[in-house]
Amino acid sequence: MPNPEISAVGLMAKPRSERAATLVPELIAWLDKRGIAVRLDEECAMYAGRADGLSRADVAAQTELLVVLGGDGTLLSAARASLERDGRDLPLFAVNLGGLGFLTSIKIEEIYPQLERALAGDYRIERRRMLHAEQWRGDRRIASHEALNDVVFTKAEIARMIDLEVHVDHHFVCVYKADGLIVSTPTGSTAYSLSAGGPIMFPSVAATAITPICPHTLTNRPVIVPDESEIQVTVLYSSPTYMTIDGQVGEILEAGDRIVCRRSEHCISLVQPPDVLFFDVLREKLKWGER
């Protein structure tokens, strides 16, 4: 029997996906047959040939379960949209439509049995803490963001390094002269940070990783700090620097800008198959050896 607490399900999908174009109309029909109302983002409405598509924030605000069709990028966008529900918890049912997909752990061939279980209230939730970042220019805060994966600082010019001064809890760490720097949550430790040589962190670990990207000083290594620490990154000199949030939202930084990163008040809730654990995902996605 469907969970009486779930009367409406939201659908969000990756753009330009042939699999999503086929799956969305099927999902709408499947949910309609069970008496579940459906709210569609603009991509899903296009796939279904409908004109009632909503913004992702509106989809999240009007539903009790959010089905995300795509890869980790689509889920990152959905996660930020889910924060607009005034603090109400919204389970994210993330389906991997191809690619690596560390966060989208539900396989497309398992979608209907797993969704049946979720509608019946038979699912396991993983809570993932987000990262809050504020951009300060002098004594004025000019932007703030929530990140599920990471806050990344990169050079905005070809063949130029950037200089970033880092403090943790007001203690000076060092000046990184590098192609960039990644401040990562445990969830984001298997994303860009991993590619840059950062550590893999178990999702429930209360920590934040600071990972330099191609540092000029080879002894600059990734550092893990407690997640209650405040990390301040200051842009030095005038080398153009770009900050991105989860690889999707960006800001051009000026010399002297300070970015303050701290543990967010927000978490997201990922629906996970009951029999799939983190090390199972690592073995599958990273091709680690079986016993």
C-alpha atoms as a PDB file:
ATOM      1  CA  MET A   1       0.000   0.000   0.000  1.00  0.00           C
ATOM      2  CA  PRO A   2       1.256   3.537  -0.719  1.00  0.00           C
ATOM      3  CA  ASN A   3       2.505   5.587   2.208  1.00  0.00           C
ATOM      4  CA  PRO A   4      -0.360   7.970   3.133  1.00  0.00           C
ATOM      5  CA  GLU A   5       2.247  10.628   3.895  1.00  0.00           C
ATOM      6  CA  ILE A   6       3.277  10.650   0.219  1.00  0.00           C
ATOM      7  CA  SER A   7       0.448  12.146  -1.801  1.00  0.00           C
ATOM      8  CA  ALA A   8       2.619  13.920  -4.382  1.00  0.00           C
ATOM      9  CA  VAL A   9       5.911  12.918  -6.021  1.00  0.00           C
ATOM     10  CA  GLY A  10       8.199  15.314  -7.862  1.00  0.00           C
ATOM     11  CA  LEU A  11      10.170  14.384 -10.959  1.00  0.00           C
ATOM     12  CA  MET A  12      13.398  16.107 -11.980  1.00  0.00           C
ATOM     13  CA  ALA A  13      15.487  14.932 -14.932  1.00  0.00           C
ATOM     14  CA  LYS A  14      18.757  15.483 -16.691  1.00  0.00           C
ATOM     15  CA  PRO A  15      18.449  17.600 -19.855  1.00  0.00           C
ATOM     16  CA  ARG A  16      18.918  16.018 -23.283  1.00  0.00           C
ATOM     17  CA  SER A  17      18.694  12.439 -22.025  1.00  0.00           C
ATOM     18  CA  GLU A  18      17.164   9.789 -24.276  1.00  0.00           C
ATOM     19  CA  ARG A  19      16.671   7.470 -21.304  1.00  0.00           C
ATOM     20  CA  ALA A  20      14.851  10.161 -19.334  1.00  0.00           C
ATOM     21  CA  ALA A  21      12.676  10.977 -22.359  1.00  0.00           C
ATOM     22  CA  THR A  22      11.494   7.352 -22.394  1.00  0.00           C
ATOM     23  CA  LEU A  23      11.287   6.887 -18.630  1.00  0.00           C
ATOM     24  CA  VAL A  24       9.390  10.048 -17.630  1.00  0.00           C
ATOM     25  CA  PRO A  25       6.070   9.238 -19.396  1.00  0.00           C
ATOM     26  CA  GLU A  26       6.251   5.675 -18.026  1.00  0.00           C
ATOM     27  CA  LEU A  27       6.826   6.944 -14.480  1.00  0.00           C
ATOM     28  CA  ILE A  28       3.952   9.420 -14.709  1.00  0.00           C
ATOM     29  CA  ALA A  29       1.593   6.633 -15.804  1.00  0.00           C
ATOM     30  CA  TRP A  30       2.901   4.293 -13.068  1.00  0.00           C
ATOM     31  CA  LEU A  31       2.366   6.908 -10.342  1.00  0.00           C
ATOM     32  CA  ASP A  32      -1.026   7.976 -11.703  1.00  0.00           C
ATOM     33  CA  LYS A  33      -2.198   4.360 -11.567  1.00  0.00           C
ATOM     34  CA  ARG A  34      -1.429   4.391  -7.827  1.00  0.00           C
ATOM     35  CA  GLY A  35      -3.256   7.635  -7.181  1.00  0.00           C
ATOM     36  CA  ILE A  36      -0.071   9.661  -6.615  1.00  0.00           C
ATOM     37  CA  ALA A  37      -0.048  13.246  -7.871  1.00  0.00           C
ATOM     38  CA  VAL A  38       2.986  14.227  -9.953  1.00  0.00           C
ATOM     39  CA  ARG A  39       4.841  17.539 -10.157  1.00  0.00           C
ATOM     40  CA  LEU A  40       7.279  17.974 -13.042  1.00  0.00           C
ATOM     41  CA  ASP A  41      10.256  20.217 -13.558  1.00  0.00           C
ATOM     42  CA  GLU A  42      10.572  21.878 -16.948  1.00  0.00           C
ATOM     43  CA  GLU A  43      12.732  19.102 -18.409  1.00  0.00           C
ATOM     44  CA  CYS A  44      10.294  16.366 -17.359  1.00  0.00           C
ATOM     45  CA  ALA A  45       7.331  18.356 -18.689  1.00  0.00           C
ATOM     46  CA  MET A  46       9.083  18.619 -22.048  1.00  0.00           C
ATOM     47  CA  TYR A  47       9.778  14.857 -22.106  1.00  0.00           C
ATOM     48  CA  ALA A  48       6.090  14.209 -21.314  1.00  0.00           C
ATOM     49  CA  GLY A  49       4.824  16.689 -23.919  1.00  0.00           C
ATOM     50  CA  ARG A  50       3.143  18.784 -21.213  1.00  0.00           C
ATOM     51  CA  ALA A  51       3.066  22.513 -20.513  1.00  0.00           C
ATOM     52  CA  ASP A  52       2.784  22.365 -16.705  1.00  0.00           C
ATOM     53  CA  GLY A  53       6.508  22.285 -15.883  1.00  0.00           C
ATOM     54  CA  LEU A  54       7.578  24.068 -12.693  1.00  0.00           C
ATOM     55  CA  SER A  55      10.843  25.432 -11.390  1.00  0.00           C
ATOM     56  CA  ARG A  56      12.813  22.867  -9.408  1.00  0.00           C
ATOM     57  CA  ALA A  57      12.271  24.856  -6.212  1.00  0.00           C
ATOM     58  CA  ASP A  58       8.488  24.768  -6.785  1.00  0.00           C
ATOM     59  CA  VAL A  59       8.558  21.031  -7.495  1.00  0.00           C
ATOM     60  CA  ALA A  60      10.389  20.443  -4.205  1.00  0.00           C
ATOM     61  CA  ALA A  61       7.984  22.692  -2.292  1.00  0.00           C
ATOM     62  CA  GLN A  62       4.894  20.779  -3.468  1.00  0.00           C
ATOM     63  CA  THR A  63       5.970  17.148  -2.956  1.00  0.00           C
ATOM     64  CA  GLU A  64       6.834  14.621  -0.241  1.00  0.00           C
ATOM     65  CA  LEU A  65       9.270  12.551  -2.331  1.00  0.00           C
ATOM     66  CA  LEU A  66      11.558  13.744  -5.095  1.00  0.00           C
ATOM     67  CA  VAL A  67      12.587  11.341  -7.888  1.00  0.00           C
ATOM     68  CA  VAL A  68      15.773  12.545  -9.582  1.00  0.00           C
ATOM     69  CA  LEU A  69      16.632  11.026 -12.969  1.00  0.00           C
ATOM     70  CA  GLY A  70      20.183  11.547 -14.196  1.00  0.00           C
ATOM     71  CA  GLY A  71      23.613  11.648 -12.634  1.00  0.00           C
ATOM     72  CA  ASP A  72      25.262  13.313  -9.689  1.00  0.00           C
ATOM     73  CA  GLY A  73      25.030  16.742 -11.351  1.00  0.00           C
ATOM     74  CA  THR A  74      21.240  16.519 -11.556  1.00  0.00           C
ATOM     75  CA  LEU A  75      21.101  15.426  -7.923  1.00  0.00           C
ATOM     76  CA  LEU A  76      23.304  18.339  -6.813  1.00  0.00           C
ATOM     77  CA  SER A  77      20.868  20.736  -8.459  1.00  0.00           C
ATOM     78  CA  ALA A  78      17.911  18.944  -6.860  1.00  0.00           C
ATOM     79  CA  ALA A  79      19.600  19.056  -3.439  1.00  0.00           C
ATOM     80  CA  ARG A  80      19.895  22.846  -3.529  1.00  0.00           C
ATOM     81  CA  ALA A  81      16.280  23.141  -4.723  1.00  0.00           C
ATOM     82  CA  SER A  82      15.127  20.984  -1.794  1.00  0.00           C
ATOM     83  CA  LEU A  83      16.479  23.562   0.674  1.00  0.00           C
ATOM     84  CA  GLU A  84      13.635  25.900  -0.311  1.00  0.00           C
ATOM     85  CA  ARG A  85      11.067  23.806   1.597  1.00  0.00           C
ATOM     86  CA  ASP A  86      11.429  25.919   4.757  1.00  0.00           C
ATOM     87  CA  GLY A  87      13.318  23.194   6.569  1.00  0.00           C
ATOM     88  CA  ARG A  88      10.855  20.370   5.824  1.00  0.00           C
ATOM     89  CA  ASP A  89      12.679  17.122   5.123  1.00  0.00           C
ATOM     90  CA  LEU A  90      12.408  15.893   1.541  1.00  0.00           C
ATOM     91  CA  PRO A  91      13.693  12.397   0.665  1.00  0.00           C
ATOM     92  CA  LEU A  92      15.583  12.316  -2.653  1.00  0.00           C
ATOM     93  CA  PHE A  93      15.148   9.129  -4.699  1.00  0.00           C
ATOM     94  CA  ALA A  94      18.106   9.353  -7.073  1.00  0.00           C
ATOM     95  CA  VAL A  95      18.191   7.110 -10.158  1.00  0.00           C
ATOM     96  CA  ASN A  96      21.421   6.712 -12.130  1.00  0.00           C
ATOM     97  CA  LEU A  97      20.809   7.014 -15.872  1.00  0.00           C
ATOM     98  CA  GLY A  98      24.417   6.238 -16.752  1.00  0.00           C
ATOM     99  CA  GLY A  99      27.938   7.373 -15.903  1.00  0.00           C
ATOM    100  CA  LEU A 100      29.803   7.124 -12.617  1.00  0.00           C
ATOM    101  CA  GLY A 101      27.104   8.359 -10.233  1.00  0.00           C
ATOM    102  CA  PHE A 102      28.345   8.018  -6.633  1.00  0.00           C
ATOM    103  CA  LEU A 103      25.198   9.682  -5.267  1.00  0.00           C
ATOM    104  CA  THR A 104      22.650   8.228  -7.666  1.00  0.00           C
ATOM    105  CA  SER A 105      22.892   4.679  -6.369  1.00  0.00           C
ATOM    106  CA  ILE A 106      19.514   3.331  -7.574  1.00  0.00           C
ATOM    107  CA  LYS A 107      19.940   1.560 -10.903  1.00  0.00           C
ATOM    108  CA  ILE A 108      17.453   2.156 -13.683  1.00  0.00           C
ATOM    109  CA  GLU A 109      16.439  -1.522 -13.809  1.00  0.00           C
ATOM    110  CA  GLU A 110      15.583  -1.367 -10.090  1.00  0.00           C
ATOM    111  CA  ILE A 111      13.513   1.805 -10.186  1.00  0.00           C
ATOM    112  CA  TYR A 112      10.009   0.355  -9.901  1.00  0.00           C
ATOM    113  CA  PRO A 113      10.560  -2.190  -7.108  1.00  0.00           C
ATOM    114  CA  GLN A 114      12.604   0.337  -5.134  1.00  0.00           C
ATOM    115  CA  LEU A 115      10.011   3.068  -5.698  1.00  0.00           C
ATOM    116  CA  GLU A 116       7.250   0.673  -4.608  1.00  0.00           C
ATOM    117  CA  ARG A 117       9.146   0.133  -1.362  1.00  0.00           C
ATOM    118  CA  ALA A 118       9.722   3.858  -0.891  1.00  0.00           C
ATOM    119  CA  LEU A 119       6.019   4.645  -1.337  1.00  0.00           C
ATOM    120  CA  ALA A 120       5.251   2.015   1.303  1.00  0.00           C
ATOM    121  CA  GLY A 121       7.695   3.670   3.705  1.00  0.00           C
ATOM    122  CA  ASP A 122      10.174   0.776   3.439  1.00  0.00           C
ATOM    123  CA  TYR A 123      13.441   2.577   2.717  1.00  0.00           C
ATOM    124  CA  ARG A 124      16.732   3.569   4.328  1.00  0.00           C
ATOM    125  CA  ILE A 125      17.726   7.223   4.554  1.00  0.00           C
ATOM    126  CA  GLU A 126      21.282   8.553   4.477  1.00  0.00           C
ATOM    127  CA  ARG A 127      21.659  12.072   5.812  1.00  0.00           C
ATOM    128  CA  ARG A 128      24.353  14.122   4.073  1.00  0.00           C
ATOM    129  CA  ARG A 129      25.556  17.354   5.689  1.00  0.00           C
ATOM    130  CA  MET A 130      26.029  20.363   3.398  1.00  0.00           C
ATOM    131  CA  LEU A 131      28.695  23.092   3.445  1.00  0.00           C
ATOM    132  CA  HIS A 132      27.871  26.793   3.874  1.00  0.00           C
ATOM    133  CA  ALA A 133      30.062  29.350   2.077  1.00  0.00           C
ATOM    134  CA  GLU A 134      29.993  33.143   2.381  1.00  0.00           C
ATOM    135  CA  GLN A 135      31.804  35.601   0.118  1.00  0.00           C
ATOM    136  CA  TRP A 136      33.045  38.737   1.887  1.00  0.00           C
ATOM    137  CA  ARG A 137      34.488  41.871   0.300  1.00  0.00           C
ATOM    138  CA  GLY A 138      35.813  44.079   3.072  1.00  0.00           C
ATOM    139  CA  ASP A 139      33.144  44.099   5.784  1.00  0.00           C
ATOM    140  CA  ARG A 140      30.317  43.395   3.315  1.00  0.00           C
ATOM    141  CA  ARG A 141      28.905  39.937   2.642  1.00  0.00           C
ATOM    142  CA  ILE A 142      28.078  39.857  -1.048  1.00  0.00           C
ATOM    143  CA  ALA A 143      26.991  36.217  -1.560  1.00  0.00           C
ATOM    144  CA  SER A 144      26.249  33.003   0.311  1.00  0.00           C
ATOM    145  CA  HIS A 145      25.830  29.457  -0.973  1.00  0.00           C
ATOM    146  CA  GLU A 146      25.041  25.913   0.160  1.00  0.00           C
ATOM    147  CA  ALA A 147      27.141  23.089  -1.319  1.00  0.00           C
ATOM    148  CA  LEU A 148      26.594  19.356  -1.104  1.00  0.00           C
ATOM    149  CA  ASN A 149      29.932  18.404  -2.688  1.00  0.00           C
ATOM    150  CA  ASP A 150      32.442  21.218  -2.628  1.00  0.00           C
ATOM    151  CA  VAL A 151      33.523  24.812  -2.944  1.00  0.00           C
ATOM    152  CA  VAL A 152      36.278  25.046  -5.575  1.00  0.00           C
ATOM    153  CA  PHE A 153      38.718  27.866  -6.302  1.00  0.00           C
ATOM    154  CA  THR A 154      40.378  27.749  -9.709  1.00  0.00           C
ATOM    155  CA  LYS A 155      42.448  29.982 -11.931  1.00  0.00           C
ATOM    156  CA  ALA A 156      40.538  31.991 -14.524  1.00  0.00           C
ATOM    157  CA  GLU A 157      43.494  32.424 -16.900  1.00  0.00           C
ATOM    158  CA  ILE A 158      45.506  29.913 -18.900  1.00  0.00           C
ATOM    159  CA  ALA A 159      48.954  28.988 -17.531  1.00  0.00           C
ATOM    160  CA  ARG A 160      48.634  31.115 -14.396  1.00  0.00           C
ATOM    161  CA  MET A 161      48.682  29.922 -10.799  1.00  0.00           C
ATOM    162  CA  ILE A 162      46.642  31.584  -8.075  1.00  0.00           C
ATOM    163  CA  ASP A 163      47.652  32.495  -4.517  1.00  0.00           C
ATOM    164  CA  LEU A 164      45.216  31.601  -1.738  1.00  0.00           C
ATOM    165  CA  GLU A 165      45.810  32.263   1.948  1.00  0.00           C
ATOM    166  CA  VAL A 166      44.035  29.756   4.199  1.00  0.00           C
ATOM    167  CA  HIS A 167      43.142  30.012   7.879  1.00  0.00           C
ATOM    168  CA  VAL A 168      41.366  27.354   9.961  1.00  0.00           C
ATOM    169  CA  ASP A 169      39.638  28.696  13.081  1.00  0.00           C
ATOM    170  CA  HIS A 170      41.676  31.919  12.660  1.00  0.00           C
ATOM    171  CA  HIS A 171      44.949  29.938  12.706  1.00  0.00           C
ATOM    172  CA  PHE A 172      47.162  30.509   9.683  1.00  0.00           C
ATOM    173  CA  VAL A 173      47.671  27.323   7.614  1.00  0.00           C
ATOM    174  CA  CYS A 174      49.680  28.480   4.590  1.00  0.00           C
ATOM    175  CA  VAL A 175      49.548  30.325   1.297  1.00  0.00           C
ATOM    176  CA  TYR A 176      48.724  27.867  -1.458  1.00  0.00           C
ATOM    177  CA  LYS A 177      50.335  28.673  -4.800  1.00  0.00           C
ATOM    178  CA  ALA A 178      48.471  26.280  -7.074  1.00  0.00           C
ATOM    179  CA  ASP A 179      46.065  25.790  -9.939  1.00  0.00           C
ATOM    180  CA  GLY A 180      43.312  25.807  -7.348  1.00  0.00           C
ATOM    181  CA  LEU A 181      41.922  24.573  -4.047  1.00  0.00           C
ATOM    182  CA  ILE A 182      38.963  22.357  -3.098  1.00  0.00           C
ATOM    183  CA  VAL A 183      37.039  22.569   0.177  1.00  0.00           C
ATOM    184  CA  SER A 184      35.044  19.356   0.253  1.00  0.00           C
ATOM    185  CA  THR A 185      32.374  17.640   2.330  1.00  0.00           C
ATOM    186  CA  PRO A 186      32.594  13.874   2.926  1.00  0.00           C
ATOM    187  CA  THR A 187      29.979  13.484   0.177  1.00  0.00           C
ATOM    188  CA  GLY A 188      32.192  15.481  -2.198  1.00  0.00           C
ATOM    189  CA  SER A 189      35.312  13.505  -1.289  1.00  0.00           C
ATOM    190  CA  THR A 190      34.546  11.077  -4.151  1.00  0.00           C
ATOM    191  CA  ALA A 191      34.098  13.933  -6.657  1.00  0.00           C
ATOM    192  CA  TYR A 192      36.643  16.547  -7.801  1.00  0.00           C
ATOM    193  CA  SER A 193      38.674  16.196  -4.600  1.00  0.00           C
ATOM    194  CA  LEU A 194      39.311  12.521  -5.325  1.00  0.00           C
ATOM    195  CA  SER A 195      40.569  13.368  -8.819  1.00  0.00           C
ATOM    196  CA  ALA A 196      42.961  15.912  -7.276  1.00  0.00           C
ATOM    197  CA  GLY A 197      44.433  13.291  -4.930  1.00  0.00           C
ATOM    198  CA  GLY A 198      42.210  13.948  -1.925  1.00  0.00           C
ATOM    199  CA  PRO A 199      41.079  11.321   0.605  1.00  0.00           C
ATOM    200  CA  ILE A 200      37.902   9.246   0.476  1.00  0.00           C
ATOM    201  CA  MET A 201      35.818  10.010   3.560  1.00  0.00           C
ATOM    202  CA  PHE A 202      32.958   7.907   4.872  1.00  0.00           C
ATOM    203  CA  PRO A 203      29.759   9.962   4.329  1.00  0.00           C
ATOM    204  CA  SER A 204      28.877  10.187   8.032  1.00  0.00           C
ATOM    205  CA  VAL A 205      32.328  11.417   9.140  1.00  0.00           C
ATOM    206  CA  ALA A 206      32.110  14.911  10.685  1.00  0.00           C
ATOM    207  CA  ALA A 207      34.986  16.445   8.717  1.00  0.00           C
ATOM    208  CA  THR A 208      35.934  18.740   5.847  1.00  0.00           C
ATOM    209  CA  ALA A 209      38.820  18.188   3.405  1.00  0.00           C
ATOM    210  CA  ILE A 210      41.100  20.921   2.035  1.00  0.00           C
ATOM    211  CA  THR A 211      42.703  19.641  -1.174  1.00  0.00           C
ATOM    212  CA  PRO A 212      45.129  21.699  -3.324  1.00  0.00           C
ATOM    213  CA  ILE A 213      44.998  21.297  -7.104  1.00  0.00           C
ATOM    214  CA  CYS A 214      48.482  20.869  -8.620  1.00  0.00           C
ATOM    215  CA  PRO A 215      50.295  22.870  -5.903  1.00  0.00           C
ATOM    216  CA  HIS A 216      53.612  24.504  -6.734  1.00  0.00           C
ATOM    217  CA  THR A 217      55.007  23.217  -3.429  1.00  0.00           C
ATOM    218  CA  LEU A 218      54.864  19.443  -3.770  1.00  0.00           C
ATOM    219  CA  THR A 219      54.674  18.952  -0.008  1.00  0.00           C
ATOM    220  CA  ASN A 220      51.287  20.693   0.106  1.00  0.00           C
ATOM    221  CA  ARG A 221      49.032  17.720   0.801  1.00  0.00           C
ATOM    222  CA  PRO A 222      45.305  17.364   1.488  1.00  0.00           C
ATOM    223  CA  VAL A 223      44.287  18.209   5.048  1.00  0.00           C
ATOM    224  CA  ILE A 224      41.210  16.989   6.947  1.00  0.00           C
ATOM    225  CA  VAL A 225      39.750  19.232   9.651  1.00  0.00           C
ATOM    226  CA  PRO A 226      36.733  18.796  11.974  1.00  0.00           C
ATOM    227  CA  ASP A 227      33.507  19.960  10.386  1.00  0.00           C
ATOM    228  CA  GLU A 228      32.882  22.438  13.209  1.00  0.00           C
ATOM    229  CA  SER A 229      35.990  24.322  12.052  1.00  0.00           C
ATOM    230  CA  GLU A 230      35.689  27.552  10.111  1.00  0.00           C
ATOM    231  CA  ILE A 231      37.834  27.655   6.968  1.00  0.00           C
ATOM    232  CA  GLN A 232      38.717  31.059   5.521  1.00  0.00           C
ATOM    233  CA  VAL A 233      40.213  31.354   2.033  1.00  0.00           C
ATOM    234  CA  THR A 234      41.544  34.776   0.989  1.00  0.00           C
ATOM    235  CA  VAL A 235      42.409  35.635  -2.616  1.00  0.00           C
ATOM    236  CA  LEU A 236      45.827  37.295  -2.837  1.00  0.00           C
ATOM    237  CA  TYR A 237      47.196  39.601  -5.541  1.00  0.00           C
ATOM    238  CA  SER A 238      45.279  40.130  -8.752  1.00  0.00           C
ATOM    239  CA  SER A 239      45.314  36.782 -10.546  1.00  0.00           C
ATOM    240  CA  PRO A 240      41.724  36.196 -11.699  1.00  0.00           C
ATOM    241  CA  THR A 241      40.127  33.522  -9.522  1.00  0.00           C
ATOM    242  CA  TYR A 242      36.862  31.685 -10.038  1.00  0.00           C
ATOM    243  CA  MET A 243      34.796  30.064  -7.282  1.00  0.00           C
ATOM    244  CA  THR A 244      32.294  27.333  -8.108  1.00  0.00           C
ATOM    245  CA  ILE A 245      29.698  25.682  -5.893  1.00  0.00           C
ATOM    246  CA  ASP A 246      29.144  22.004  -6.721  1.00  0.00           C
ATOM    247  CA  GLY A 247      30.482  22.750 -10.204  1.00  0.00           C
ATOM    248  CA  GLN A 248      27.219  24.543 -11.074  1.00  0.00           C
ATOM    249  CA  VAL A 249      27.092  28.022  -9.510  1.00  0.00           C
ATOM    250  CA  GLY A 250      29.998  30.395 -10.011  1.00  0.00           C
ATOM    251  CA  GLU A 251      31.420  33.723  -8.812  1.00  0.00           C
ATOM    252  CA  ILE A 252      34.405  35.728 -10.063  1.00  0.00           C
ATOM    253  CA  LEU A 253      36.544  36.713  -7.081  1.00  0.00           C
ATOM    254  CA  GLU A 254      38.650  39.829  -6.660  1.00  0.00           C
ATOM    255  CA  ALA A 255      41.942  40.246  -4.816  1.00  0.00           C
ATOM    256  CA  GLY A 256      41.202  40.531  -1.109  1.00  0.00           C
ATOM    257  CA  ASP A 257      37.909  38.628  -1.249  1.00  0.00           C
ATOM    258  CA  ARG A 258      37.435  36.227   1.651  1.00  0.00           C
ATOM    259  CA  ILE A 259      35.409  33.020   1.425  1.00  0.00           C
ATOM    260  CA  VAL A 260      34.331  31.631   4.785  1.00  0.00           C
ATOM    261  CA  CYS A 261      33.285  27.952   4.761  1.00  0.00           C
ATOM    262  CA  ARG A 262      31.594  26.223   7.682  1.00  0.00           C
ATOM    263  CA  ARG A 263      29.269  23.332   8.375  1.00  0.00           C
ATOM    264  CA  SER A 264      25.805  24.089   7.045  1.00  0.00           C
ATOM    265  CA  GLU A 265      22.644  23.906   9.106  1.00  0.00           C
ATOM    266  CA  HIS A 266      21.155  21.874   6.245  1.00  0.00           C
ATOM    267  CA  CYS A 267      21.301  18.185   5.378  1.00  0.00           C
ATOM    268  CA  ILE A 268      19.765  16.293   2.499  1.00  0.00           C
ATOM    269  CA  SER A 269      18.103  12.881   2.806  1.00  0.00           C
ATOM    270  CA  LEU A 270      19.085  10.292   0.205  1.00  0.00           C
ATOM    271  CA  VAL A 271      16.858   7.239  -0.249  1.00  0.00           C
ATOM    272  CA  GLN A 272      19.179   4.224  -0.412  1.00  0.00           C
ATOM    273  CA  PRO A 273      18.439   0.615  -1.329  1.00  0.00           C
ATOM    274  CA  PRO A 274      18.388  -1.313   1.979  1.00  0.00           C
ATOM    275  CA  ASP A 275      21.068  -3.773   0.860  1.00  0.00           C
ATOM    276  CA  VAL A 276      23.564  -1.306  -0.688  1.00  0.00           C
ATOM    277  CA  LEU A 277      26.271   0.167   1.561  1.00  0.00           C
ATOM    278  CA  PHE A 278      29.026   2.733   0.920  1.00  0.00           C
ATOM    279  CA  PHE A 279      31.787   0.182   0.345  1.00  0.00           C
ATOM    280  CA  ASP A 280      29.566  -1.636  -2.162  1.00  0.00           C
ATOM    281  CA  VAL A 281      29.354   1.626  -4.116  1.00  0.00           C
ATOM    282  CA  LEU A 282      33.140   2.124  -3.948  1.00  0.00           C
ATOM    283  CA  ARG A 283      33.796  -1.392  -5.239  1.00  0.00           C
ATOM    284  CA  GLU A 284      31.400  -0.928  -8.134  1.00  0.00           C
ATOM    285  CA  LYS A 285      32.233   2.640  -9.145  1.00  0.00           C
ATOM    286  CA  LEU A 286      36.006   2.513  -8.608  1.00  0.00           C
ATOM    287  CA  LYS A 287      36.390  -1.069  -9.853  1.00  0.00           C
ATOM    288  CA  TRP A 288      37.956  -2.267  -6.616  1.00  0.00           C
ATOM    289  CA  GLY A 289      38.683  -5.978  -6.433  1.00  0.00           C
ATOM    290  CA  GLU A 290      36.097  -8.467  -5.250  1.00  0.00           C
ATOM    291  CA  ARG A 291      36.826 -11.167  -2.687  1.00  0.00           C
END
